[in-house]
Amino acid sequence: MFAVGLTGGIGSGKSTVADLFAARGAAIVDTDLIAHQITAPNGVAMPKIATEFGASFVAADGSLDRARMRTLIFSDEGARRRLEAITHPLIRIETERARHEASGPYVMLVVPLLVESGSWKTRVNRVLTVDCSVETQIARVMRRNAFSREQVVAIIARQATREARLAAADDVIVNENASVEELGAQVEAQHRLYLSLADA
């Protein structure tokens, strides 16, 4: 099936854009959602995480203690790599399974770290980047997550730069101060393009 990789920095509006594509019939596979599923209570990643990091990183309900883990991986690069060594292969397996089970004119894989992970670009037919300024990202995430400016800046610093995401993109949706109508019009144009490419 024709596949589009949807990416963008934190706070760019990837989920909103994905929802607009879903409303038009695209099959959506969200790697962030999969990451939450594998670290939920009884998630497939949890036994390995408990073994690698200890019981203190497992919440009372058996899920990942996200706040504790976030604090650790932002202060310890080695810990981040150890966590990713557990989660990334599992996310890839689940993503491929969902991709093969998807039905629709084309499948859209929502991958926040598409540019950073390297191999993702070879697994999709087109890369679509949702773009906005860094200041807009910061303001949105502070408002949405109640994070401090410093926390958001630290997250953005670990992601690919805006320039790198734009360089990797075949297509771009600009979501700076776009109204719902303006965003919808951009999505509609891309959707029509992907339908024609999928048919071809």
N, C-alpha and C. Protein backbone atom coordinates (compact mmCIF):
# COMPACT_ATOMS: atom_id res chain seq x y z
N MET A 1 0.84 -1.20 0.00
CA MET A 1 0.00 0.00 0.00
C MET A 1 0.88 1.25 0.00
N PHE A 2 0.45 2.26 -0.76
CA PHE A 2 1.17 3.53 -0.80
C PHE A 2 1.25 4.11 0.61
N ALA A 3 2.44 4.54 1.02
CA ALA A 3 2.65 4.98 2.40
C ALA A 3 3.24 6.38 2.45
N VAL A 4 2.67 7.20 3.33
CA VAL A 4 3.16 8.55 3.59
C VAL A 4 3.68 8.59 5.02
N GLY A 5 4.86 9.12 5.21
CA GLY A 5 5.39 9.33 6.56
C GLY A 5 5.10 10.75 6.99
N LEU A 6 4.33 10.91 8.05
CA LEU A 6 3.98 12.24 8.56
C LEU A 6 4.86 12.55 9.77
N THR A 7 5.56 13.68 9.72
CA THR A 7 6.43 14.03 10.83
C THR A 7 6.34 15.53 11.11
N GLY A 8 7.02 15.96 12.15
CA GLY A 8 7.03 17.35 12.58
C GLY A 8 7.52 17.40 14.01
N GLY A 9 8.02 18.53 14.41
CA GLY A 9 8.51 18.67 15.78
C GLY A 9 7.36 18.67 16.78
N ILE A 10 7.72 18.53 18.05
CA ILE A 10 6.72 18.56 19.11
C ILE A 10 5.96 19.89 19.03
N GLY A 11 4.63 19.83 19.15
CA GLY A 11 3.83 21.04 19.11
C GLY A 11 3.55 21.59 17.72
N SER A 12 3.95 20.83 16.68
CA SER A 12 3.73 21.33 15.31
C SER A 12 2.29 21.12 14.85
N GLY A 13 1.60 20.17 15.48
CA GLY A 13 0.22 19.90 15.08
C GLY A 13 0.05 18.62 14.28
N LYS A 14 0.97 17.68 14.45
CA LYS A 14 0.90 16.40 13.71
C LYS A 14 -0.41 15.67 13.95
N SER A 15 -0.85 15.61 15.18
CA SER A 15 -2.08 14.85 15.50
C SER A 15 -3.29 15.49 14.85
N THR A 16 -3.36 16.81 14.87
CA THR A 16 -4.47 17.52 14.23
C THR A 16 -4.50 17.23 12.74
N VAL A 17 -3.33 17.29 12.11
CA VAL A 17 -3.23 17.03 10.67
C VAL A 17 -3.58 15.56 10.38
N ALA A 18 -3.09 14.64 11.20
CA ALA A 18 -3.42 13.23 11.00
C ALA A 18 -4.92 12.99 11.09
N ASP A 19 -5.57 13.67 12.03
CA ASP A 19 -7.03 13.54 12.18
C ASP A 19 -7.75 14.02 10.92
N LEU A 20 -7.24 15.08 10.31
CA LEU A 20 -7.86 15.61 9.09
C LEU A 20 -7.69 14.63 7.92
N PHE A 21 -6.56 13.97 7.86
CA PHE A 21 -6.36 12.93 6.83
C PHE A 21 -7.25 11.73 7.11
N ALA A 22 -7.38 11.35 8.37
CA ALA A 22 -8.23 10.22 8.74
C ALA A 22 -9.68 10.49 8.34
N ALA A 23 -10.13 11.73 8.52
CA ALA A 23 -11.50 12.11 8.16
C ALA A 23 -11.74 11.98 6.66
N ARG A 24 -10.65 12.00 5.89
CA ARG A 24 -10.76 11.85 4.44
C ARG A 24 -10.54 10.41 3.98
N GLY A 25 -10.37 9.50 4.93
CA GLY A 25 -10.29 8.08 4.59
C GLY A 25 -8.92 7.45 4.64
N ALA A 26 -7.88 8.24 4.93
CA ALA A 26 -6.54 7.66 5.03
C ALA A 26 -6.46 6.75 6.26
N ALA A 27 -5.72 5.65 6.12
CA ALA A 27 -5.47 4.76 7.26
C ALA A 27 -4.31 5.34 8.06
N ILE A 28 -4.51 5.57 9.35
CA ILE A 28 -3.49 6.20 10.19
C ILE A 28 -2.85 5.17 11.12
N VAL A 29 -1.52 5.13 11.11
CA VAL A 29 -0.76 4.31 12.06
C VAL A 29 0.13 5.28 12.83
N ASP A 30 -0.14 5.45 14.13
CA ASP A 30 0.54 6.45 14.95
C ASP A 30 1.57 5.77 15.85
N THR A 31 2.85 6.03 15.60
CA THR A 31 3.90 5.37 16.38
C THR A 31 3.93 5.85 17.83
N ASP A 32 3.49 7.10 18.09
CA ASP A 32 3.39 7.58 19.48
C ASP A 32 2.35 6.77 20.26
N LEU A 33 1.22 6.50 19.61
CA LEU A 33 0.17 5.70 20.22
C LEU A 33 0.68 4.28 20.51
N ILE A 34 1.42 3.73 19.56
CA ILE A 34 2.00 2.40 19.74
C ILE A 34 2.99 2.40 20.90
N ALA A 35 3.80 3.47 21.00
CA ALA A 35 4.76 3.59 22.11
C ALA A 35 4.05 3.60 23.45
N HIS A 36 2.89 4.26 23.51
CA HIS A 36 2.11 4.27 24.75
C HIS A 36 1.51 2.90 25.04
N GLN A 37 1.09 2.21 23.98
CA GLN A 37 0.48 0.88 24.17
C GLN A 37 1.48 -0.12 24.73
N ILE A 38 2.72 -0.09 24.23
CA ILE A 38 3.70 -1.08 24.67
C ILE A 38 4.24 -0.79 26.07
N THR A 39 3.99 0.45 26.57
CA THR A 39 4.43 0.81 27.93
C THR A 39 3.24 1.02 28.86
N ALA A 40 2.05 0.60 28.42
CA ALA A 40 0.85 0.65 29.26
C ALA A 40 0.87 -0.54 30.22
N PRO A 41 -0.08 -0.64 31.15
CA PRO A 41 -0.15 -1.84 32.00
C PRO A 41 -0.19 -3.11 31.15
N ASN A 42 0.69 -4.05 31.48
CA ASN A 42 0.82 -5.30 30.73
C ASN A 42 1.34 -5.12 29.31
N GLY A 43 1.90 -3.95 29.02
CA GLY A 43 2.48 -3.71 27.69
C GLY A 43 3.70 -4.60 27.47
N VAL A 44 3.95 -4.93 26.20
CA VAL A 44 5.02 -5.89 25.89
C VAL A 44 6.40 -5.39 26.29
N ALA A 45 6.58 -4.07 26.39
CA ALA A 45 7.91 -3.54 26.75
C ALA A 45 8.17 -3.54 28.25
N MET A 46 7.12 -3.66 29.05
CA MET A 46 7.27 -3.43 30.49
C MET A 46 8.17 -4.43 31.21
N PRO A 47 8.11 -5.73 30.91
CA PRO A 47 9.03 -6.65 31.60
C PRO A 47 10.50 -6.30 31.36
N LYS A 48 10.83 -5.95 30.12
CA LYS A 48 12.22 -5.60 29.80
C LYS A 48 12.63 -4.29 30.46
N ILE A 49 11.70 -3.33 30.49
CA ILE A 49 12.00 -2.04 31.15
C ILE A 49 12.22 -2.25 32.64
N ALA A 50 11.39 -3.08 33.27
CA ALA A 50 11.54 -3.36 34.71
C ALA A 50 12.88 -4.02 35.00
N THR A 51 13.27 -4.95 34.11
CA THR A 51 14.56 -5.64 34.30
C THR A 51 15.73 -4.69 34.12
N GLU A 52 15.64 -3.82 33.11
CA GLU A 52 16.75 -2.94 32.76
C GLU A 52 16.89 -1.76 33.73
N PHE A 53 15.75 -1.20 34.17
CA PHE A 53 15.80 0.04 34.95
C PHE A 53 15.37 -0.13 36.40
N GLY A 54 14.70 -1.23 36.72
CA GLY A 54 14.28 -1.47 38.09
C GLY A 54 12.80 -1.16 38.30
N ALA A 55 12.27 -1.72 39.38
CA ALA A 55 10.84 -1.61 39.69
C ALA A 55 10.40 -0.18 39.94
N SER A 56 11.31 0.71 40.31
CA SER A 56 10.93 2.09 40.60
C SER A 56 10.45 2.83 39.36
N PHE A 57 10.72 2.28 38.19
CA PHE A 57 10.27 2.92 36.94
C PHE A 57 8.94 2.35 36.46
N VAL A 58 8.37 1.45 37.27
CA VAL A 58 7.06 0.88 36.95
C VAL A 58 6.03 1.47 37.92
N ALA A 59 4.98 2.09 37.36
CA ALA A 59 3.93 2.69 38.19
C ALA A 59 3.10 1.61 38.87
N ALA A 60 2.27 2.01 39.80
CA ALA A 60 1.47 1.06 40.58
C ALA A 60 0.55 0.21 39.70
N ASP A 61 0.11 0.77 38.57
CA ASP A 61 -0.79 0.02 37.68
C ASP A 61 -0.05 -0.87 36.68
N GLY A 62 1.30 -0.88 36.77
CA GLY A 62 2.08 -1.73 35.88
C GLY A 62 2.54 -1.05 34.61
N SER A 63 2.23 0.24 34.48
CA SER A 63 2.67 0.99 33.30
C SER A 63 4.01 1.67 33.58
N LEU A 64 4.59 2.26 32.55
CA LEU A 64 5.82 3.01 32.71
C LEU A 64 5.55 4.28 33.52
N ASP A 65 6.41 4.55 34.50
CA ASP A 65 6.36 5.82 35.22
C ASP A 65 7.02 6.86 34.31
N ARG A 66 6.21 7.53 33.51
CA ARG A 66 6.73 8.41 32.46
C ARG A 66 7.51 9.61 33.02
N ALA A 67 7.01 10.18 34.09
CA ALA A 67 7.68 11.36 34.66
C ALA A 67 9.08 10.99 35.16
N ARG A 68 9.18 9.86 35.84
CA ARG A 68 10.49 9.42 36.36
C ARG A 68 11.44 9.10 35.20
N MET A 69 10.90 8.39 34.20
CA MET A 69 11.75 8.03 33.06
C MET A 69 12.17 9.27 32.29
N ARG A 70 11.26 10.23 32.12
CA ARG A 70 11.61 11.46 31.40
C ARG A 70 12.75 12.18 32.09
N THR A 71 12.68 12.26 33.43
CA THR A 71 13.74 12.92 34.19
C THR A 71 15.08 12.21 33.99
N LEU A 72 15.05 10.88 33.99
CA LEU A 72 16.29 10.11 33.83
C LEU A 72 16.90 10.31 32.45
N ILE A 73 16.09 10.13 31.41
CA ILE A 73 16.68 10.14 30.06
C ILE A 73 17.12 11.54 29.62
N PHE A 74 16.57 12.58 30.27
CA PHE A 74 17.04 13.92 29.93
C PHE A 74 18.36 14.26 30.62
N SER A 75 18.70 13.49 31.64
CA SER A 75 19.96 13.74 32.33
C SER A 75 21.01 12.68 32.01
N ASP A 76 20.63 11.61 31.32
CA ASP A 76 21.53 10.48 31.09
C ASP A 76 21.32 9.95 29.68
N GLU A 77 22.24 10.30 28.78
CA GLU A 77 22.13 9.89 27.38
C GLU A 77 22.19 8.37 27.23
N GLY A 78 23.00 7.72 28.07
CA GLY A 78 23.09 6.26 28.02
C GLY A 78 21.77 5.60 28.37
N ALA A 79 21.06 6.18 29.35
CA ALA A 79 19.75 5.64 29.73
C ALA A 79 18.76 5.78 28.58
N ARG A 80 18.83 6.90 27.89
CA ARG A 80 17.93 7.10 26.74
C ARG A 80 18.17 6.03 25.68
N ARG A 81 19.44 5.75 25.42
CA ARG A 81 19.78 4.73 24.40
C ARG A 81 19.33 3.35 24.86
N ARG A 82 19.45 3.06 26.15
CA ARG A 82 19.01 1.75 26.67
C ARG A 82 17.50 1.59 26.54
N LEU A 83 16.77 2.69 26.82
CA LEU A 83 15.31 2.64 26.68
C LEU A 83 14.93 2.44 25.22
N GLU A 84 15.57 3.18 24.34
CA GLU A 84 15.25 3.07 22.91
C GLU A 84 15.60 1.70 22.36
N ALA A 85 16.65 1.07 22.90
CA ALA A 85 17.01 -0.27 22.45
C ALA A 85 15.90 -1.28 22.78
N ILE A 86 15.14 -0.99 23.82
CA ILE A 86 14.00 -1.85 24.18
C ILE A 86 12.77 -1.49 23.34
N THR A 87 12.46 -0.20 23.29
CA THR A 87 11.17 0.21 22.70
C THR A 87 11.18 0.29 21.18
N HIS A 88 12.25 0.75 20.57
CA HIS A 88 12.22 0.98 19.12
C HIS A 88 11.96 -0.29 18.31
N PRO A 89 12.63 -1.42 18.61
CA PRO A 89 12.31 -2.63 17.84
C PRO A 89 10.86 -3.07 18.00
N LEU A 90 10.31 -2.92 19.21
CA LEU A 90 8.92 -3.30 19.46
C LEU A 90 7.95 -2.37 18.72
N ILE A 91 8.27 -1.08 18.71
CA ILE A 91 7.44 -0.12 17.98
C ILE A 91 7.47 -0.45 16.49
N ARG A 92 8.63 -0.82 15.98
CA ARG A 92 8.75 -1.14 14.55
C ARG A 92 7.90 -2.36 14.20
N ILE A 93 7.96 -3.39 15.04
CA ILE A 93 7.18 -4.62 14.80
C ILE A 93 5.69 -4.30 14.78
N GLU A 94 5.23 -3.54 15.79
CA GLU A 94 3.81 -3.21 15.88
C GLU A 94 3.37 -2.29 14.74
N THR A 95 4.25 -1.39 14.34
CA THR A 95 3.94 -0.48 13.24
C THR A 95 3.75 -1.26 11.94
N GLU A 96 4.66 -2.19 11.68
CA GLU A 96 4.55 -3.00 10.45
C GLU A 96 3.29 -3.86 10.46
N ARG A 97 2.96 -4.40 11.63
CA ARG A 97 1.74 -5.21 11.73
C ARG A 97 0.51 -4.35 11.42
N ALA A 98 0.45 -3.17 12.03
CA ALA A 98 -0.69 -2.28 11.81
C ALA A 98 -0.74 -1.80 10.35
N ARG A 99 0.43 -1.57 9.79
CA ARG A 99 0.50 -1.13 8.39
C ARG A 99 -0.08 -2.18 7.45
N HIS A 100 0.26 -3.43 7.68
CA HIS A 100 -0.21 -4.51 6.81
C HIS A 100 -1.69 -4.80 7.02
N GLU A 101 -2.21 -4.46 8.19
CA GLU A 101 -3.64 -4.68 8.46
C GLU A 101 -4.50 -3.48 8.06
N ALA A 102 -3.86 -2.38 7.69
CA ALA A 102 -4.58 -1.15 7.39
C ALA A 102 -5.40 -1.30 6.11
N SER A 103 -6.55 -0.62 6.09
CA SER A 103 -7.36 -0.58 4.88
C SER A 103 -7.69 0.87 4.58
N GLY A 104 -7.63 1.23 3.32
CA GLY A 104 -7.85 2.61 2.90
C GLY A 104 -7.12 2.83 1.59
N PRO A 105 -7.27 4.00 1.00
CA PRO A 105 -6.59 4.28 -0.26
C PRO A 105 -5.07 4.37 -0.12
N TYR A 106 -4.63 4.76 1.06
CA TYR A 106 -3.20 4.79 1.38
C TYR A 106 -3.06 4.80 2.89
N VAL A 107 -1.85 4.53 3.37
CA VAL A 107 -1.60 4.51 4.81
C VAL A 107 -0.68 5.67 5.17
N MET A 108 -0.97 6.32 6.28
CA MET A 108 -0.13 7.41 6.77
C MET A 108 0.48 6.99 8.10
N LEU A 109 1.81 6.93 8.14
CA LEU A 109 2.54 6.55 9.34
C LEU A 109 2.97 7.84 10.05
N VAL A 110 2.46 8.06 11.25
CA VAL A 110 2.80 9.26 12.02
C VAL A 110 4.04 8.93 12.84
N VAL A 111 5.17 9.55 12.48
CA VAL A 111 6.46 9.20 13.08
C VAL A 111 7.17 10.49 13.53
N PRO A 112 7.04 10.87 14.81
CA PRO A 112 7.69 12.11 15.27
C PRO A 112 9.19 12.14 14.99
N LEU A 113 9.86 11.00 15.14
CA LEU A 113 11.32 10.96 14.97
C LEU A 113 11.72 10.36 13.62
N LEU A 114 10.91 10.60 12.60
CA LEU A 114 11.19 10.04 11.27
C LEU A 114 12.56 10.46 10.75
N VAL A 115 12.88 11.73 10.87
CA VAL A 115 14.16 12.23 10.36
C VAL A 115 15.32 11.70 11.20
N GLU A 116 15.13 11.67 12.52
CA GLU A 116 16.21 11.25 13.42
C GLU A 116 16.54 9.76 13.28
N SER A 117 15.54 8.95 12.99
CA SER A 117 15.76 7.49 13.00
C SER A 117 16.43 6.97 11.74
N GLY A 118 16.50 7.78 10.71
CA GLY A 118 17.27 7.40 9.53
C GLY A 118 16.58 6.45 8.59
N SER A 119 16.24 5.24 9.05
CA SER A 119 15.72 4.21 8.16
C SER A 119 14.27 4.44 7.75
N TRP A 120 13.56 5.28 8.48
CA TRP A 120 12.14 5.47 8.17
C TRP A 120 11.91 6.00 6.77
N LYS A 121 12.76 6.88 6.30
CA LYS A 121 12.56 7.51 4.99
C LYS A 121 12.55 6.48 3.87
N THR A 122 13.23 5.37 4.07
CA THR A 122 13.27 4.33 3.05
C THR A 122 12.03 3.43 3.10
N ARG A 123 11.20 3.60 4.11
CA ARG A 123 10.05 2.71 4.29
C ARG A 123 8.72 3.37 3.91
N VAL A 124 8.79 4.60 3.40
CA VAL A 124 7.59 5.29 2.95
C VAL A 124 7.82 5.83 1.54
N ASN A 125 6.73 6.11 0.83
CA ASN A 125 6.82 6.65 -0.52
C ASN A 125 7.00 8.16 -0.53
N ARG A 126 6.40 8.83 0.46
CA ARG A 126 6.52 10.29 0.57
C ARG A 126 6.69 10.66 2.03
N VAL A 127 7.40 11.77 2.26
CA VAL A 127 7.52 12.32 3.61
C VAL A 127 6.79 13.67 3.64
N LEU A 128 5.84 13.79 4.57
CA LEU A 128 5.08 15.02 4.77
C LEU A 128 5.46 15.62 6.12
N THR A 129 5.97 16.84 6.10
CA THR A 129 6.37 17.53 7.33
C THR A 129 5.35 18.61 7.67
N VAL A 130 4.92 18.61 8.93
CA VAL A 130 4.09 19.70 9.45
C VAL A 130 5.05 20.72 10.06
N ASP A 131 5.01 21.93 9.56
CA ASP A 131 6.02 22.92 9.92
C ASP A 131 5.42 24.12 10.64
N CYS A 132 6.16 24.60 11.65
CA CYS A 132 5.86 25.89 12.28
C CYS A 132 7.15 26.38 12.92
N SER A 133 7.15 27.61 13.39
CA SER A 133 8.35 28.16 14.02
C SER A 133 8.60 27.51 15.38
N VAL A 134 9.84 27.58 15.83
CA VAL A 134 10.20 27.02 17.13
C VAL A 134 9.45 27.74 18.25
N GLU A 135 9.29 29.04 18.13
CA GLU A 135 8.56 29.79 19.16
C GLU A 135 7.11 29.33 19.27
N THR A 136 6.51 29.01 18.13
CA THR A 136 5.14 28.49 18.15
C THR A 136 5.09 27.12 18.82
N GLN A 137 6.08 26.28 18.51
CA GLN A 137 6.18 24.97 19.18
C GLN A 137 6.23 25.14 20.70
N ILE A 138 7.11 26.02 21.15
CA ILE A 138 7.31 26.22 22.58
C ILE A 138 6.00 26.67 23.24
N ALA A 139 5.35 27.67 22.64
CA ALA A 139 4.12 28.20 23.22
C ALA A 139 3.03 27.13 23.29
N ARG A 140 2.90 26.33 22.23
CA ARG A 140 1.86 25.29 22.20
C ARG A 140 2.11 24.22 23.25
N VAL A 141 3.35 23.77 23.37
CA VAL A 141 3.64 22.67 24.30
C VAL A 141 3.54 23.15 25.75
N MET A 142 3.99 24.37 26.03
CA MET A 142 3.84 24.93 27.38
C MET A 142 2.37 24.99 27.76
N ARG A 143 1.53 25.40 26.82
CA ARG A 143 0.09 25.52 27.07
C ARG A 143 -0.55 24.13 27.23
N ARG A 144 -0.17 23.20 26.36
CA ARG A 144 -0.80 21.88 26.32
C ARG A 144 -0.36 20.98 27.48
N ASN A 145 0.94 20.96 27.75
CA ASN A 145 1.50 20.01 28.72
C ASN A 145 1.82 20.63 30.08
N ALA A 146 1.67 21.94 30.20
CA ALA A 146 2.04 22.65 31.42
C ALA A 146 3.52 22.43 31.76
N PHE A 147 4.36 22.33 30.70
CA PHE A 147 5.81 22.25 30.89
C PHE A 147 6.37 23.66 31.00
N SER A 148 7.54 23.76 31.63
CA SER A 148 8.24 25.04 31.64
C SER A 148 8.89 25.26 30.27
N ARG A 149 9.24 26.51 30.01
CA ARG A 149 9.93 26.82 28.75
C ARG A 149 11.21 26.00 28.63
N GLU A 150 11.94 25.88 29.74
CA GLU A 150 13.20 25.14 29.73
C GLU A 150 12.98 23.67 29.35
N GLN A 151 11.92 23.06 29.87
CA GLN A 151 11.62 21.67 29.54
C GLN A 151 11.33 21.51 28.05
N VAL A 152 10.55 22.43 27.50
CA VAL A 152 10.19 22.33 26.08
C VAL A 152 11.43 22.55 25.21
N VAL A 153 12.23 23.53 25.56
CA VAL A 153 13.45 23.81 24.79
C VAL A 153 14.38 22.58 24.80
N ALA A 154 14.45 21.90 25.95
CA ALA A 154 15.29 20.69 26.06
C ALA A 154 14.77 19.58 25.15
N ILE A 155 13.45 19.43 25.07
CA ILE A 155 12.86 18.41 24.19
C ILE A 155 13.17 18.75 22.73
N ILE A 156 12.96 20.01 22.36
CA ILE A 156 13.20 20.44 20.98
C ILE A 156 14.67 20.24 20.59
N ALA A 157 15.57 20.49 21.55
CA ALA A 157 17.00 20.35 21.28
C ALA A 157 17.39 18.91 20.94
N ARG A 158 16.60 17.94 21.41
CA ARG A 158 16.89 16.53 21.15
C ARG A 158 16.26 16.05 19.84
N GLN A 159 15.43 16.88 19.25
CA GLN A 159 14.80 16.51 17.98
C GLN A 159 15.59 17.08 16.81
N ALA A 160 15.31 16.57 15.62
CA ALA A 160 15.92 17.13 14.42
C ALA A 160 15.55 18.61 14.32
N THR A 161 16.40 19.39 13.68
CA THR A 161 16.11 20.81 13.53
C THR A 161 14.97 21.00 12.52
N ARG A 162 14.35 22.14 12.60
CA ARG A 162 13.31 22.49 11.63
C ARG A 162 13.85 22.39 10.21
N GLU A 163 15.08 22.86 10.03
CA GLU A 163 15.71 22.83 8.70
C GLU A 163 15.90 21.41 8.20
N ALA A 164 16.30 20.50 9.10
CA ALA A 164 16.50 19.10 8.71
C ALA A 164 15.19 18.43 8.32
N ARG A 165 14.12 18.74 9.05
CA ARG A 165 12.81 18.16 8.71
C ARG A 165 12.32 18.67 7.36
N LEU A 166 12.53 19.97 7.10
CA LEU A 166 12.11 20.52 5.81
C LEU A 166 12.94 19.94 4.67
N ALA A 167 14.22 19.73 4.93
CA ALA A 167 15.09 19.15 3.89
C ALA A 167 14.68 17.72 3.55
N ALA A 168 14.16 17.00 4.53
CA ALA A 168 13.77 15.60 4.32
C ALA A 168 12.38 15.47 3.69
N ALA A 169 11.64 16.57 3.64
CA ALA A 169 10.23 16.52 3.23
C ALA A 169 10.06 16.51 1.71
N ASP A 170 9.11 15.69 1.25
CA ASP A 170 8.62 15.80 -0.12
C ASP A 170 7.51 16.83 -0.18
N ASP A 171 6.75 16.91 0.92
CA ASP A 171 5.59 17.80 1.00
C ASP A 171 5.61 18.49 2.37
N VAL A 172 5.03 19.70 2.43
CA VAL A 172 5.01 20.47 3.68
C VAL A 172 3.62 21.05 3.90
N ILE A 173 3.12 20.93 5.13
CA ILE A 173 1.92 21.63 5.55
C ILE A 173 2.36 22.68 6.58
N VAL A 174 2.01 23.93 6.33
CA VAL A 174 2.40 25.02 7.23
C VAL A 174 1.29 25.22 8.26
N ASN A 175 1.66 25.08 9.53
CA ASN A 175 0.68 25.21 10.61
C ASN A 175 1.17 26.23 11.62
N GLU A 176 1.43 27.43 11.12
CA GLU A 176 1.92 28.50 12.00
C GLU A 176 0.74 29.12 12.76
N ASN A 177 -0.10 29.83 12.04
CA ASN A 177 -1.31 30.37 12.66
C ASN A 177 -2.51 30.03 11.77
N ALA A 178 -2.46 28.83 11.21
CA ALA A 178 -3.49 28.43 10.25
C ALA A 178 -4.83 28.23 10.94
N SER A 179 -5.88 28.72 10.31
CA SER A 179 -7.23 28.44 10.79
C SER A 179 -7.57 27.00 10.45
N VAL A 180 -8.64 26.49 11.03
CA VAL A 180 -9.09 25.13 10.73
C VAL A 180 -9.35 25.00 9.23
N GLU A 181 -9.94 26.03 8.63
CA GLU A 181 -10.25 26.01 7.20
C GLU A 181 -8.97 25.99 6.36
N GLU A 182 -8.00 26.81 6.74
CA GLU A 182 -6.74 26.87 5.99
C GLU A 182 -5.98 25.55 6.10
N LEU A 183 -5.96 24.97 7.30
CA LEU A 183 -5.30 23.69 7.50
C LEU A 183 -6.01 22.61 6.68
N GLY A 184 -7.33 22.64 6.72
CA GLY A 184 -8.12 21.66 5.96
C GLY A 184 -7.86 21.75 4.47
N ALA A 185 -7.71 22.96 3.96
CA ALA A 185 -7.44 23.15 2.53
C ALA A 185 -6.08 22.57 2.14
N GLN A 186 -5.08 22.76 3.00
CA GLN A 186 -3.76 22.19 2.74
C GLN A 186 -3.82 20.66 2.76
N VAL A 187 -4.53 20.12 3.74
CA VAL A 187 -4.67 18.67 3.85
C VAL A 187 -5.40 18.12 2.63
N GLU A 188 -6.45 18.80 2.22
CA GLU A 188 -7.23 18.35 1.05
C GLU A 188 -6.34 18.27 -0.20
N ALA A 189 -5.51 19.27 -0.40
CA ALA A 189 -4.61 19.28 -1.57
C ALA A 189 -3.64 18.10 -1.52
N GLN A 190 -3.08 17.84 -0.35
CA GLN A 190 -2.15 16.71 -0.22
C GLN A 190 -2.88 15.38 -0.37
N HIS A 191 -4.07 15.31 0.20
CA HIS A 191 -4.87 14.07 0.11
C HIS A 191 -5.14 13.73 -1.35
N ARG A 192 -5.49 14.71 -2.15
CA ARG A 192 -5.75 14.47 -3.57
C ARG A 192 -4.50 14.00 -4.29
N LEU A 193 -3.37 14.59 -3.91
CA LEU A 193 -2.09 14.17 -4.50
C LEU A 193 -1.81 12.70 -4.14
N TYR A 194 -2.00 12.34 -2.87
CA TYR A 194 -1.69 10.98 -2.44
C TYR A 194 -2.66 9.96 -3.07
N LEU A 195 -3.90 10.35 -3.26
CA LEU A 195 -4.84 9.47 -3.94
C LEU A 195 -4.38 9.19 -5.37
N SER A 196 -3.93 10.24 -6.05
CA SER A 196 -3.48 10.06 -7.45
C SER A 196 -2.20 9.23 -7.51
N LEU A 197 -1.30 9.44 -6.58
CA LEU A 197 -0.06 8.66 -6.55
C LEU A 197 -0.34 7.21 -6.18
N ALA A 198 -1.28 6.99 -5.25
CA ALA A 198 -1.62 5.62 -4.84
C ALA A 198 -2.27 4.87 -6.00
N ASP A 199 -3.10 5.56 -6.76
CA ASP A 199 -3.75 4.94 -7.92
C ASP A 199 -2.74 4.58 -9.00
N ALA A 200 -1.72 5.43 -9.12
CA ALA A 200 -0.70 5.20 -10.16
C ALA A 200 0.18 4.01 -9.81
